[in-house]
Amino acid sequence: MADIKERVEKRKARHVRLRTTVRGTPERPRLVVFKSSKHIYAQLIDDLAGKTITGVSSLTAELRKELDKAKGIDVAKAVGKAIAGAAKKKNIEKVVFDRGGFPYTGRIKALAEAARAEGLGF
């Protein structure tokens, strides 16, 4: 149990360090990603106004129906496509990517690449 708490604390410290340089603006919001053991979440945040512009997760109703039995990287790709689609609806073409202190591998990388493939620039 102590190992899990230590790992979470280290991830949070990496995220705080990353946030010193990564800022979202109305023209180029921050695409922040969080993953739990079961789900993955993505949000577009305007840090200047302190507001979330839009968000998508593997718990979103449309995605749950679409990804009934899918897991892992397949779900992350679907969330990446969905967040890119939501950004296009808000006329956002470029973002700043915030991996949330997680390493850029696996589900985080799959989400980022799927968002890029849908036309979101970062």
PDB file of N, CA and C in Angstrom:
ATOM      1  N   MET A   1       0.820  -1.192   0.000  1.00  0.00           N
ATOM      2  CA  MET A   1       0.000   0.000   0.000  1.00  0.00           C
ATOM      3  C   MET A   1       0.864   1.255   0.000  1.00  0.00           C
ATOM      4  N   ALA A   2       1.971   1.198   0.724  1.00  0.00           N
ATOM      5  CA  ALA A   2       2.854   2.365   0.772  1.00  0.00           C
ATOM      6  C   ALA A   2       3.464   2.631  -0.605  1.00  0.00           C
ATOM      7  N   ASP A   3       3.715   1.578  -1.368  1.00  0.00           N
ATOM      8  CA  ASP A   3       4.294   1.741  -2.698  1.00  0.00           C
ATOM      9  C   ASP A   3       3.345   2.500  -3.624  1.00  0.00           C
ATOM     10  N   ILE A   4       2.047   2.222  -3.525  1.00  0.00           N
ATOM     11  CA  ILE A   4       1.064   2.891  -4.372  1.00  0.00           C
ATOM     12  C   ILE A   4       1.008   4.376  -4.033  1.00  0.00           C
ATOM     13  N   LYS A   5       0.975   4.704  -2.755  1.00  0.00           N
ATOM     14  CA  LYS A   5       0.929   6.115  -2.346  1.00  0.00           C
ATOM     15  C   LYS A   5       2.181   6.848  -2.799  1.00  0.00           C
ATOM     16  N   GLU A   6       3.322   6.190  -2.682  1.00  0.00           N
ATOM     17  CA  GLU A   6       4.581   6.810  -3.101  1.00  0.00           C
ATOM     18  C   GLU A   6       4.580   7.053  -4.609  1.00  0.00           C
ATOM     19  N   ARG A   7       4.083   6.089  -5.372  1.00  0.00           N
ATOM     20  CA  ARG A   7       4.034   6.227  -6.826  1.00  0.00           C
ATOM     21  C   ARG A   7       3.109   7.376  -7.239  1.00  0.00           C
ATOM     22  N   VAL A   8       1.963   7.506  -6.569  1.00  0.00           N
ATOM     23  CA  VAL A   8       1.023   8.582  -6.873  1.00  0.00           C
ATOM     24  C   VAL A   8       1.649   9.930  -6.516  1.00  0.00           C
ATOM     25  N   GLU A   9       2.318  10.007  -5.386  1.00  0.00           N
ATOM     26  CA  GLU A   9       2.967  11.256  -4.986  1.00  0.00           C
ATOM     27  C   GLU A   9       4.057  11.662  -5.974  1.00  0.00           C
ATOM     28  N   LYS A  10       4.817  10.710  -6.479  1.00  0.00           N
ATOM     29  CA  LYS A  10       5.852  11.018  -7.463  1.00  0.00           C
ATOM     30  C   LYS A  10       5.234  11.514  -8.769  1.00  0.00           C
ATOM     31  N   ARG A  11       4.121  10.903  -9.193  1.00  0.00           N
ATOM     32  CA  ARG A  11       3.444  11.349 -10.407  1.00  0.00           C
ATOM     33  C   ARG A  11       2.931  12.771 -10.234  1.00  0.00           C
ATOM     34  N   LYS A  12       2.356  13.063  -9.081  1.00  0.00           N
ATOM     35  CA  LYS A  12       1.855  14.413  -8.825  1.00  0.00           C
ATOM     36  C   LYS A  12       2.992  15.429  -8.826  1.00  0.00           C
ATOM     37  N   ALA A  13       4.142  15.055  -8.294  1.00  0.00           N
ATOM     38  CA  ALA A  13       5.301  15.958  -8.299  1.00  0.00           C
ATOM     39  C   ALA A  13       5.768  16.215  -9.730  1.00  0.00           C
ATOM     40  N   ARG A  14       5.781  15.176 -10.577  1.00  0.00           N
ATOM     41  CA  ARG A  14       6.144  15.365 -11.988  1.00  0.00           C
ATOM     42  C   ARG A  14       5.153  16.292 -12.670  1.00  0.00           C
ATOM     43  N   HIS A  15       3.864  16.138 -12.348  1.00  0.00           N
ATOM     44  CA  HIS A  15       2.844  16.970 -12.966  1.00  0.00           C
ATOM     45  C   HIS A  15       3.012  18.429 -12.550  1.00  0.00           C
ATOM     46  N   VAL A  16       3.300  18.676 -11.288  1.00  0.00           N
ATOM     47  CA  VAL A  16       3.523  20.046 -10.815  1.00  0.00           C
ATOM     48  C   VAL A  16       4.724  20.650 -11.526  1.00  0.00           C
ATOM     49  N   ARG A  17       5.774  19.880 -11.689  1.00  0.00           N
ATOM     50  CA  ARG A  17       6.977  20.350 -12.387  1.00  0.00           C
ATOM     51  C   ARG A  17       6.653  20.680 -13.844  1.00  0.00           C
ATOM     52  N   LEU A  18       5.874  19.843 -14.470  1.00  0.00           N
ATOM     53  CA  LEU A  18       5.479  20.044 -15.861  1.00  0.00           C
ATOM     54  C   LEU A  18       4.611  21.291 -16.014  1.00  0.00           C
ATOM     55  N   ARG A  19       3.749  21.536 -15.024  1.00  0.00           N
ATOM     56  CA  ARG A  19       2.821  22.655 -15.095  1.00  0.00           C
ATOM     57  C   ARG A  19       3.499  24.018 -14.955  1.00  0.00           C
ATOM     58  N   THR A  20       4.759  24.041 -14.535  1.00  0.00           N
ATOM     59  CA  THR A  20       5.456  25.323 -14.458  1.00  0.00           C
ATOM     60  C   THR A  20       5.699  25.904 -15.847  1.00  0.00           C
ATOM     61  N   THR A  21       5.757  25.063 -16.863  1.00  0.00           N
ATOM     62  CA  THR A  21       6.012  25.529 -18.221  1.00  0.00           C
ATOM     63  C   THR A  21       4.796  25.414 -19.134  1.00  0.00           C
ATOM     64  N   VAL A  22       3.866  24.534 -18.836  1.00  0.00           N
ATOM     65  CA  VAL A  22       2.723  24.300 -19.712  1.00  0.00           C
ATOM     66  C   VAL A  22       1.542  25.136 -19.227  1.00  0.00           C
ATOM     67  N   ARG A  23       1.068  26.046 -20.078  1.00  0.00           N
ATOM     68  CA  ARG A  23      -0.077  26.904 -19.767  1.00  0.00           C
ATOM     69  C   ARG A  23      -1.059  26.882 -20.930  1.00  0.00           C
ATOM     70  N   GLY A  24      -2.329  26.853 -20.615  1.00  0.00           N
ATOM     71  CA  GLY A  24      -3.357  26.893 -21.639  1.00  0.00           C
ATOM     72  C   GLY A  24      -3.914  28.293 -21.790  1.00  0.00           C
ATOM     73  N   THR A  25      -4.163  28.697 -23.016  1.00  0.00           N
ATOM     74  CA  THR A  25      -4.749  29.997 -23.311  1.00  0.00           C
ATOM     75  C   THR A  25      -6.051  29.773 -24.080  1.00  0.00           C
ATOM     76  N   PRO A  26      -6.854  30.805 -24.259  1.00  0.00           N
ATOM     77  CA  PRO A  26      -8.083  30.608 -25.046  1.00  0.00           C
ATOM     78  C   PRO A  26      -7.794  30.174 -26.484  1.00  0.00           C
ATOM     79  N   GLU A  27      -6.699  30.681 -27.081  1.00  0.00           N
ATOM     80  CA  GLU A  27      -6.365  30.315 -28.455  1.00  0.00           C
ATOM     81  C   GLU A  27      -5.739  28.919 -28.524  1.00  0.00           C
ATOM     82  N   ARG A  28      -4.998  28.554 -27.490  1.00  0.00           N
ATOM     83  CA  ARG A  28      -4.309  27.266 -27.463  1.00  0.00           C
ATOM     84  C   ARG A  28      -4.450  26.645 -26.063  1.00  0.00           C
ATOM     85  N   PRO A  29      -5.600  25.995 -25.805  1.00  0.00           N
ATOM     86  CA  PRO A  29      -5.842  25.445 -24.475  1.00  0.00           C
ATOM     87  C   PRO A  29      -4.950  24.241 -24.175  1.00  0.00           C
ATOM     88  N   ARG A  30      -4.939  23.877 -22.920  1.00  0.00           N
ATOM     89  CA  ARG A  30      -4.129  22.740 -22.457  1.00  0.00           C
ATOM     90  C   ARG A  30      -4.979  21.477 -22.546  1.00  0.00           C
ATOM     91  N   LEU A  31      -4.461  20.470 -23.232  1.00  0.00           N
ATOM     92  CA  LEU A  31      -5.111  19.159 -23.303  1.00  0.00           C
ATOM     93  C   LEU A  31      -4.498  18.308 -22.208  1.00  0.00           C
ATOM     94  N   VAL A  32      -5.214  18.137 -21.117  1.00  0.00           N
ATOM     95  CA  VAL A  32      -4.702  17.389 -19.977  1.00  0.00           C
ATOM     96  C   VAL A  32      -5.319  15.993 -19.979  1.00  0.00           C
ATOM     97  N   VAL A  33      -4.487  14.994 -19.691  1.00  0.00           N
ATOM     98  CA  VAL A  33      -4.902  13.600 -19.712  1.00  0.00           C
ATOM     99  C   VAL A  33      -4.699  13.005 -18.327  1.00  0.00           C
ATOM    100  N   PHE A  34      -5.681  12.238 -17.880  1.00  0.00           N
ATOM    101  CA  PHE A  34      -5.557  11.485 -16.642  1.00  0.00           C
ATOM    102  C   PHE A  34      -6.005  10.068 -16.917  1.00  0.00           C
ATOM    103  N   LYS A  35      -5.281   9.121 -16.368  1.00  0.00           N
ATOM    104  CA  LYS A  35      -5.689   7.724 -16.533  1.00  0.00           C
ATOM    105  C   LYS A  35      -5.756   7.074 -15.166  1.00  0.00           C
ATOM    106  N   SER A  36      -6.787   6.274 -14.999  1.00  0.00           N
ATOM    107  CA  SER A  36      -6.886   5.438 -13.811  1.00  0.00           C
ATOM    108  C   SER A  36      -6.664   4.007 -14.272  1.00  0.00           C
ATOM    109  N   SER A  37      -6.841   3.069 -13.381  1.00  0.00           N
ATOM    110  CA  SER A  37      -6.621   1.680 -13.775  1.00  0.00           C
ATOM    111  C   SER A  37      -7.679   1.199 -14.763  1.00  0.00           C
ATOM    112  N   LYS A  38      -8.871   1.807 -14.742  1.00  0.00           N
ATOM    113  CA  LYS A  38      -9.948   1.353 -15.615  1.00  0.00           C
ATOM    114  C   LYS A  38     -10.320   2.344 -16.718  1.00  0.00           C
ATOM    115  N   HIS A  39     -10.157   3.634 -16.470  1.00  0.00           N
ATOM    116  CA  HIS A  39     -10.674   4.644 -17.395  1.00  0.00           C
ATOM    117  C   HIS A  39      -9.600   5.654 -17.766  1.00  0.00           C
ATOM    118  N   ILE A  40      -9.899   6.456 -18.807  1.00  0.00           N
ATOM    119  CA  ILE A  40      -8.999   7.519 -19.237  1.00  0.00           C
ATOM    120  C   ILE A  40      -9.839   8.766 -19.517  1.00  0.00           C
ATOM    121  N   TYR A  41      -9.306   9.904 -19.138  1.00  0.00           N
ATOM    122  CA  TYR A  41     -10.026  11.166 -19.215  1.00  0.00           C
ATOM    123  C   TYR A  41      -9.173  12.186 -19.958  1.00  0.00           C
ATOM    124  N   ALA A  42      -9.816  13.062 -20.736  1.00  0.00           N
ATOM    125  CA  ALA A  42      -9.111  14.137 -21.434  1.00  0.00           C
ATOM    126  C   ALA A  42      -9.959  15.401 -21.340  1.00  0.00           C
ATOM    127  N   GLN A  43      -9.308  16.533 -21.040  1.00  0.00           N
ATOM    128  CA  GLN A  43     -10.001  17.809 -20.931  1.00  0.00           C
ATOM    129  C   GLN A  43      -9.221  18.887 -21.647  1.00  0.00           C
ATOM    130  N   LEU A  44      -9.933  19.870 -22.178  1.00  0.00           N
ATOM    131  CA  LEU A  44      -9.320  21.078 -22.721  1.00  0.00           C
ATOM    132  C   LEU A  44      -9.562  22.186 -21.712  1.00  0.00           C
ATOM    133  N   ILE A  45      -8.469  22.794 -21.232  1.00  0.00           N
ATOM    134  CA  ILE A  45      -8.566  23.774 -20.159  1.00  0.00           C
ATOM    135  C   ILE A  45      -7.929  25.088 -20.575  1.00  0.00           C
ATOM    136  N   ASP A  46      -8.646  26.185 -20.306  1.00  0.00           N
ATOM    137  CA  ASP A  46      -8.125  27.537 -20.479  1.00  0.00           C
ATOM    138  C   ASP A  46      -7.636  27.987 -19.103  1.00  0.00           C
ATOM    139  N   ASP A  47      -6.317  27.992 -18.899  1.00  0.00           N
ATOM    140  CA  ASP A  47      -5.754  28.324 -17.593  1.00  0.00           C
ATOM    141  C   ASP A  47      -5.888  29.797 -17.253  1.00  0.00           C
ATOM    142  N   LEU A  48      -5.922  30.670 -18.249  1.00  0.00           N
ATOM    143  CA  LEU A  48      -6.046  32.098 -17.973  1.00  0.00           C
ATOM    144  C   LEU A  48      -7.399  32.421 -17.344  1.00  0.00           C
ATOM    145  N   ALA A  49      -8.450  31.797 -17.846  1.00  0.00           N
ATOM    146  CA  ALA A  49      -9.790  32.002 -17.297  1.00  0.00           C
ATOM    147  C   ALA A  49     -10.085  31.024 -16.167  1.00  0.00           C
ATOM    148  N   GLY A  50      -9.289  29.961 -16.062  1.00  0.00           N
ATOM    149  CA  GLY A  50      -9.519  28.954 -15.032  1.00  0.00           C
ATOM    150  C   GLY A  50     -10.760  28.119 -15.300  1.00  0.00           C
ATOM    151  N   LYS A  51     -11.018  27.834 -16.588  1.00  0.00           N
ATOM    152  CA  LYS A  51     -12.230  27.100 -16.947  1.00  0.00           C
ATOM    153  C   LYS A  51     -11.921  25.907 -17.838  1.00  0.00           C
ATOM    154  N   THR A  52     -12.729  24.873 -17.681  1.00  0.00           N
ATOM    155  CA  THR A  52     -12.658  23.722 -18.562  1.00  0.00           C
ATOM    156  C   THR A  52     -13.528  24.008 -19.780  1.00  0.00           C
ATOM    157  N   ILE A  53     -12.948  23.916 -20.962  1.00  0.00           N
ATOM    158  CA  ILE A  53     -13.684  24.190 -22.192  1.00  0.00           C
ATOM    159  C   ILE A  53     -14.558  22.998 -22.555  1.00  0.00           C
ATOM    160  N   THR A  54     -13.959  21.828 -22.569  1.00  0.00           N
ATOM    161  CA  THR A  54     -14.700  20.604 -22.863  1.00  0.00           C
ATOM    162  C   THR A  54     -13.920  19.416 -22.314  1.00  0.00           C
ATOM    163  N   GLY A  55     -14.586  18.301 -22.189  1.00  0.00           N
ATOM    164  CA  GLY A  55     -13.936  17.109 -21.689  1.00  0.00           C
ATOM    165  C   GLY A  55     -14.594  15.856 -22.217  1.00  0.00           C
ATOM    166  N   VAL A  56     -13.805  14.803 -22.328  1.00  0.00           N
ATOM    167  CA  VAL A  56     -14.288  13.511 -22.805  1.00  0.00           C
ATOM    168  C   VAL A  56     -13.610  12.448 -21.960  1.00  0.00           C
ATOM    169  N   SER A  57     -14.314  11.369 -21.698  1.00  0.00           N
ATOM    170  CA  SER A  57     -13.698  10.259 -20.976  1.00  0.00           C
ATOM    171  C   SER A  57     -14.255   8.939 -21.485  1.00  0.00           C
ATOM    172  N   SER A  58     -13.672   7.878 -21.010  1.00  0.00           N
ATOM    173  CA  SER A  58     -14.165   6.555 -21.385  1.00  0.00           C
ATOM    174  C   SER A  58     -15.507   6.271 -20.719  1.00  0.00           C
ATOM    175  N   LEU A  59     -15.950   7.139 -19.825  1.00  0.00           N
ATOM    176  CA  LEU A  59     -17.249   7.005 -19.183  1.00  0.00           C
ATOM    177  C   LEU A  59     -18.354   7.767 -19.907  1.00  0.00           C
ATOM    178  N   THR A  60     -18.002   8.560 -20.925  1.00  0.00           N
ATOM    179  CA  THR A  60     -18.986   9.308 -21.694  1.00  0.00           C
ATOM    180  C   THR A  60     -19.971   8.334 -22.342  1.00  0.00           C
ATOM    181  N   ALA A  61     -21.245   8.673 -22.298  1.00  0.00           N
ATOM    182  CA  ALA A  61     -22.302   7.763 -22.742  1.00  0.00           C
ATOM    183  C   ALA A  61     -22.091   7.256 -24.165  1.00  0.00           C
ATOM    184  N   GLU A  62     -21.754   8.161 -25.103  1.00  0.00           N
ATOM    185  CA  GLU A  62     -21.587   7.748 -26.496  1.00  0.00           C
ATOM    186  C   GLU A  62     -20.431   6.754 -26.641  1.00  0.00           C
ATOM    187  N   LEU A  63     -19.343   7.034 -25.933  1.00  0.00           N
ATOM    188  CA  LEU A  63     -18.180   6.145 -26.042  1.00  0.00           C
ATOM    189  C   LEU A  63     -18.420   4.808 -25.359  1.00  0.00           C
ATOM    190  N   ARG A  64     -19.172   4.799 -24.282  1.00  0.00           N
ATOM    191  CA  ARG A  64     -19.438   3.535 -23.585  1.00  0.00           C
ATOM    192  C   ARG A  64     -20.210   2.569 -24.477  1.00  0.00           C
ATOM    193  N   LYS A  65     -21.167   3.120 -25.221  1.00  0.00           N
ATOM    194  CA  LYS A  65     -21.939   2.269 -26.141  1.00  0.00           C
ATOM    195  C   LYS A  65     -21.049   1.754 -27.258  1.00  0.00           C
ATOM    196  N   GLU A  66     -20.208   2.635 -27.783  1.00  0.00           N
ATOM    197  CA  GLU A  66     -19.326   2.283 -28.902  1.00  0.00           C
ATOM    198  C   GLU A  66     -18.244   1.286 -28.489  1.00  0.00           C
ATOM    199  N   LEU A  67     -17.722   1.432 -27.287  1.00  0.00           N
ATOM    200  CA  LEU A  67     -16.592   0.620 -26.824  1.00  0.00           C
ATOM    201  C   LEU A  67     -17.012  -0.370 -25.755  1.00  0.00           C
ATOM    202  N   ASP A  68     -18.061  -1.097 -26.030  1.00  0.00           N
ATOM    203  CA  ASP A  68     -18.639  -1.988 -25.023  1.00  0.00           C
ATOM    204  C   ASP A  68     -17.617  -2.959 -24.439  1.00  0.00           C
ATOM    205  N   LYS A  69     -16.875  -3.646 -25.259  1.00  0.00           N
ATOM    206  CA  LYS A  69     -15.917  -4.656 -24.785  1.00  0.00           C
ATOM    207  C   LYS A  69     -14.457  -4.231 -24.937  1.00  0.00           C
ATOM    208  N   ALA A  70     -14.201  -3.065 -25.499  1.00  0.00           N
ATOM    209  CA  ALA A  70     -12.826  -2.624 -25.751  1.00  0.00           C
ATOM    210  C   ALA A  70     -12.122  -2.252 -24.453  1.00  0.00           C
ATOM    211  N   LYS A  71     -10.800  -2.388 -24.464  1.00  0.00           N
ATOM    212  CA  LYS A  71     -10.002  -2.046 -23.286  1.00  0.00           C
ATOM    213  C   LYS A  71      -8.700  -1.395 -23.712  1.00  0.00           C
ATOM    214  N   GLY A  72      -8.064  -0.737 -22.766  1.00  0.00           N
ATOM    215  CA  GLY A  72      -6.708  -0.237 -22.928  1.00  0.00           C
ATOM    216  C   GLY A  72      -6.507   0.758 -24.041  1.00  0.00           C
ATOM    217  N   ILE A  73      -5.605   0.421 -24.939  1.00  0.00           N
ATOM    218  CA  ILE A  73      -5.191   1.335 -26.000  1.00  0.00           C
ATOM    219  C   ILE A  73      -6.336   1.647 -26.955  1.00  0.00           C
ATOM    220  N   ASP A  74      -7.222   0.694 -27.209  1.00  0.00           N
ATOM    221  CA  ASP A  74      -8.361   0.951 -28.095  1.00  0.00           C
ATOM    222  C   ASP A  74      -9.279   2.024 -27.516  1.00  0.00           C
ATOM    223  N   VAL A  75      -9.493   1.988 -26.220  1.00  0.00           N
ATOM    224  CA  VAL A  75     -10.321   2.997 -25.556  1.00  0.00           C
ATOM    225  C   VAL A  75      -9.620   4.351 -25.609  1.00  0.00           C
ATOM    226  N   ALA A  76      -8.317   4.372 -25.373  1.00  0.00           N
ATOM    227  CA  ALA A  76      -7.554   5.624 -25.404  1.00  0.00           C
ATOM    228  C   ALA A  76      -7.615   6.256 -26.787  1.00  0.00           C
ATOM    229  N   LYS A  77      -7.527   5.449 -27.837  1.00  0.00           N
ATOM    230  CA  LYS A  77      -7.627   5.974 -29.200  1.00  0.00           C
ATOM    231  C   LYS A  77      -9.002   6.594 -29.438  1.00  0.00           C
ATOM    232  N   ALA A  78     -10.038   5.950 -28.957  1.00  0.00           N
ATOM    233  CA  ALA A  78     -11.392   6.476 -29.135  1.00  0.00           C
ATOM    234  C   ALA A  78     -11.574   7.787 -28.376  1.00  0.00           C
ATOM    235  N   VAL A  79     -11.010   7.889 -27.178  1.00  0.00           N
ATOM    236  CA  VAL A  79     -11.099   9.130 -26.405  1.00  0.00           C
ATOM    237  C   VAL A  79     -10.310  10.230 -27.107  1.00  0.00           C
ATOM    238  N   GLY A  80      -9.157   9.904 -27.686  1.00  0.00           N
ATOM    239  CA  GLY A  80      -8.374  10.880 -28.441  1.00  0.00           C
ATOM    240  C   GLY A  80      -9.136  11.426 -29.639  1.00  0.00           C
ATOM    241  N   LYS A  81      -9.807  10.547 -30.371  1.00  0.00           N
ATOM    242  CA  LYS A  81     -10.616  10.991 -31.510  1.00  0.00           C
ATOM    243  C   LYS A  81     -11.779  11.852 -31.043  1.00  0.00           C
ATOM    244  N   ALA A  82     -12.390  11.463 -29.928  1.00  0.00           N
ATOM    245  CA  ALA A  82     -13.540  12.211 -29.410  1.00  0.00           C
ATOM    246  C   ALA A  82     -13.138  13.603 -28.924  1.00  0.00           C
ATOM    247  N   ILE A  83     -12.004  13.723 -28.249  1.00  0.00           N
ATOM    248  CA  ILE A  83     -11.575  15.043 -27.767  1.00  0.00           C
ATOM    249  C   ILE A  83     -11.191  15.938 -28.941  1.00  0.00           C
ATOM    250  N   ALA A  84     -10.620  15.354 -29.989  1.00  0.00           N
ATOM    251  CA  ALA A  84     -10.302  16.143 -31.187  1.00  0.00           C
ATOM    252  C   ALA A  84     -11.586  16.632 -31.855  1.00  0.00           C
ATOM    253  N   GLY A  85     -12.596  15.776 -31.901  1.00  0.00           N
ATOM    254  CA  GLY A  85     -13.887  16.177 -32.463  1.00  0.00           C
ATOM    255  C   GLY A  85     -14.552  17.276 -31.642  1.00  0.00           C
ATOM    256  N   ALA A  86     -14.473  17.157 -30.325  1.00  0.00           N
ATOM    257  CA  ALA A  86     -15.043  18.178 -29.446  1.00  0.00           C
ATOM    258  C   ALA A  86     -14.299  19.503 -29.602  1.00  0.00           C
ATOM    259  N   ALA A  87     -12.986  19.430 -29.804  1.00  0.00           N
ATOM    260  CA  ALA A  87     -12.191  20.649 -30.001  1.00  0.00           C
ATOM    261  C   ALA A  87     -12.569  21.323 -31.317  1.00  0.00           C
ATOM    262  N   LYS A  88     -12.783  20.531 -32.364  1.00  0.00           N
ATOM    263  CA  LYS A  88     -13.174  21.101 -33.658  1.00  0.00           C
ATOM    264  C   LYS A  88     -14.515  21.810 -33.565  1.00  0.00           C
ATOM    265  N   LYS A  89     -15.438  21.271 -32.764  1.00  0.00           N
ATOM    266  CA  LYS A  89     -16.739  21.913 -32.582  1.00  0.00           C
ATOM    267  C   LYS A  89     -16.594  23.266 -31.903  1.00  0.00           C
ATOM    268  N   LYS A  90     -15.562  23.412 -31.086  1.00  0.00           N
ATOM    269  CA  LYS A  90     -15.302  24.676 -30.386  1.00  0.00           C
ATOM    270  C   LYS A  90     -14.323  25.566 -31.165  1.00  0.00           C
ATOM    271  N   ASN A  91     -14.010  25.185 -32.410  1.00  0.00           N
ATOM    272  CA  ASN A  91     -13.074  25.919 -33.282  1.00  0.00           C
ATOM    273  C   ASN A  91     -11.673  26.009 -32.696  1.00  0.00           C
ATOM    274  N   ILE A  92     -11.213  24.925 -32.120  1.00  0.00           N
ATOM    275  CA  ILE A  92      -9.857  24.848 -31.562  1.00  0.00           C
ATOM    276  C   ILE A  92      -9.059  23.900 -32.442  1.00  0.00           C
ATOM    277  N   GLU A  93      -7.938  24.398 -32.977  1.00  0.00           N
ATOM    278  CA  GLU A  93      -7.104  23.578 -33.850  1.00  0.00           C
ATOM    279  C   GLU A  93      -5.778  23.208 -33.217  1.00  0.00           C
ATOM    280  N   LYS A  94      -5.286  24.037 -32.277  1.00  0.00           N
ATOM    281  CA  LYS A  94      -3.996  23.772 -31.642  1.00  0.00           C
ATOM    282  C   LYS A  94      -4.161  23.755 -30.137  1.00  0.00           C
ATOM    283  N   VAL A  95      -3.439  22.838 -29.499  1.00  0.00           N
ATOM    284  CA  VAL A  95      -3.464  22.710 -28.046  1.00  0.00           C
ATOM    285  C   VAL A  95      -2.049  22.517 -27.518  1.00  0.00           C
ATOM    286  N   VAL A  96      -1.916  22.605 -26.220  1.00  0.00           N
ATOM    287  CA  VAL A  96      -0.669  22.274 -25.533  1.00  0.00           C
ATOM    288  C   VAL A  96      -0.938  20.972 -24.799  1.00  0.00           C
ATOM    289  N   PHE A  97      -0.110  19.967 -25.009  1.00  0.00           N
ATOM    290  CA  PHE A  97      -0.361  18.649 -24.421  1.00  0.00           C
ATOM    291  C   PHE A  97       0.225  18.559 -23.021  1.00  0.00           C
ATOM    292  N   ASP A  98      -0.601  18.126 -22.077  1.00  0.00           N
ATOM    293  CA  ASP A  98      -0.199  17.923 -20.684  1.00  0.00           C
ATOM    294  C   ASP A  98      -0.459  16.462 -20.342  1.00  0.00           C
ATOM    295  N   ARG A  99       0.596  15.696 -20.208  1.00  0.00           N
ATOM    296  CA  ARG A  99       0.450  14.261 -19.968  1.00  0.00           C
ATOM    297  C   ARG A  99       0.139  13.928 -18.521  1.00  0.00           C
ATOM    298  N   GLY A 100       0.037  14.920 -17.669  1.00  0.00           N
ATOM    299  CA  GLY A 100      -0.388  14.711 -16.289  1.00  0.00           C
ATOM    300  C   GLY A 100       0.620  14.004 -15.416  1.00  0.00           C
ATOM    301  N   GLY A 101       1.886  14.046 -15.779  1.00  0.00           N
ATOM    302  CA  GLY A 101       2.912  13.381 -14.992  1.00  0.00           C
ATOM    303  C   GLY A 101       3.104  11.918 -15.347  1.00  0.00           C
ATOM    304  N   PHE A 102       2.290  11.418 -16.265  1.00  0.00           N
ATOM    305  CA  PHE A 102       2.420  10.030 -16.697  1.00  0.00           C
ATOM    306  C   PHE A 102       3.477   9.940 -17.790  1.00  0.00           C
ATOM    307  N   PRO A 103       4.159   8.807 -17.917  1.00  0.00           N
ATOM    308  CA  PRO A 103       5.112   8.662 -19.023  1.00  0.00           C
ATOM    309  C   PRO A 103       4.390   8.627 -20.366  1.00  0.00           C
ATOM    310  N   TYR A 104       5.049   9.123 -21.403  1.00  0.00           N
ATOM    311  CA  TYR A 104       4.454   9.196 -22.732  1.00  0.00           C
ATOM    312  C   TYR A 104       4.588   7.838 -23.420  1.00  0.00           C
ATOM    313  N   THR A 105       3.868   6.866 -22.923  1.00  0.00           N
ATOM    314  CA  THR A 105       3.835   5.525 -23.496  1.00  0.00           C
ATOM    315  C   THR A 105       2.427   4.970 -23.344  1.00  0.00           C
ATOM    316  N   GLY A 106       2.149   3.878 -24.007  1.00  0.00           N
ATOM    317  CA  GLY A 106       0.897   3.163 -23.820  1.00  0.00           C
ATOM    318  C   GLY A 106      -0.333   3.973 -24.143  1.00  0.00           C
ATOM    319  N   ARG A 107      -1.247   4.042 -23.166  1.00  0.00           N
ATOM    320  CA  ARG A 107      -2.534   4.698 -23.387  1.00  0.00           C
ATOM    321  C   ARG A 107      -2.402   6.202 -23.602  1.00  0.00           C
ATOM    322  N   ILE A 108      -1.440   6.843 -22.928  1.00  0.00           N
ATOM    323  CA  ILE A 108      -1.245   8.282 -23.087  1.00  0.00           C
ATOM    324  C   ILE A 108      -0.793   8.580 -24.518  1.00  0.00           C
ATOM    325  N   LYS A 109       0.162   7.800 -25.006  1.00  0.00           N
ATOM    326  CA  LYS A 109       0.672   7.981 -26.360  1.00  0.00           C
ATOM    327  C   LYS A 109      -0.420   7.694 -27.396  1.00  0.00           C
ATOM    328  N   ALA A 110      -1.217   6.648 -27.169  1.00  0.00           N
ATOM    329  CA  ALA A 110      -2.291   6.293 -28.093  1.00  0.00           C
ATOM    330  C   ALA A 110      -3.327   7.406 -28.191  1.00  0.00           C
ATOM    331  N   LEU A 111      -3.679   8.009 -27.053  1.00  0.00           N
ATOM    332  CA  LEU A 111      -4.626   9.113 -27.049  1.00  0.00           C
ATOM    333  C   LEU A 111      -4.068  10.302 -27.821  1.00  0.00           C
ATOM    334  N   ALA A 112      -2.808  10.645 -27.576  1.00  0.00           N
ATOM    335  CA  ALA A 112      -2.181  11.790 -28.245  1.00  0.00           C
ATOM    336  C   ALA A 112      -2.106  11.565 -29.754  1.00  0.00           C
ATOM    337  N   GLU A 113      -1.689  10.395 -30.175  1.00  0.00           N
ATOM    338  CA  GLU A 113      -1.567  10.113 -31.604  1.00  0.00           C
ATOM    339  C   GLU A 113      -2.925  10.107 -32.299  1.00  0.00           C
ATOM    340  N   ALA A 114      -3.964   9.607 -31.620  1.00  0.00           N
ATOM    341  CA  ALA A 114      -5.303   9.602 -32.209  1.00  0.00           C
ATOM    342  C   ALA A 114      -5.829  11.028 -32.350  1.00  0.00           C
ATOM    343  N   ALA A 115      -5.550  11.874 -31.376  1.00  0.00           N
ATOM    344  CA  ALA A 115      -5.980  13.278 -31.459  1.00  0.00           C
ATOM    345  C   ALA A 115      -5.254  13.993 -32.597  1.00  0.00           C
ATOM    346  N   ARG A 116      -3.955  13.706 -32.764  1.00  0.00           N
ATOM    347  CA  ARG A 116      -3.190  14.302 -33.862  1.00  0.00           C
ATOM    348  C   ARG A 116      -3.729  13.827 -35.206  1.00  0.00           C
ATOM    349  N   ALA A 117      -4.072  12.546 -35.296  1.00  0.00           N
ATOM    350  CA  ALA A 117      -4.566  11.987 -36.555  1.00  0.00           C
ATOM    351  C   ALA A 117      -5.900  12.625 -36.954  1.00  0.00           C
ATOM    352  N   GLU A 118      -6.674  13.083 -35.980  1.00  0.00           N
ATOM    353  CA  GLU A 118      -7.943  13.738 -36.258  1.00  0.00           C
ATOM    354  C   GLU A 118      -7.790  15.227 -36.558  1.00  0.00           C
ATOM    355  N   GLY A 119      -6.546  15.722 -36.556  1.00  0.00           N
ATOM    356  CA  GLY A 119      -6.309  17.107 -36.958  1.00  0.00           C
ATOM    357  C   GLY A 119      -6.011  18.078 -35.835  1.00  0.00           C
ATOM    358  N   LEU A 120      -5.898  17.606 -34.609  1.00  0.00           N
ATOM    359  CA  LEU A 120      -5.572  18.485 -33.486  1.00  0.00           C
ATOM    360  C   LEU A 120      -4.075  18.671 -33.445  1.00  0.00           C
ATOM    361  N   GLY A 121      -3.619  19.906 -33.467  1.00  0.00           N
ATOM    362  CA  GLY A 121      -2.187  20.178 -33.552  1.00  0.00           C
ATOM    363  C   GLY A 121      -1.546  20.442 -32.208  1.00  0.00           C
ATOM    364  N   PHE A 122      -0.466  19.702 -31.934  1.00  0.00           N
ATOM    365  CA  PHE A 122       0.398  19.951 -30.761  1.00  0.00           C
ATOM    366  C   PHE A 122       1.712  19.262 -30.928  1.00  0.00           C
TER     367      PHE A 122
END
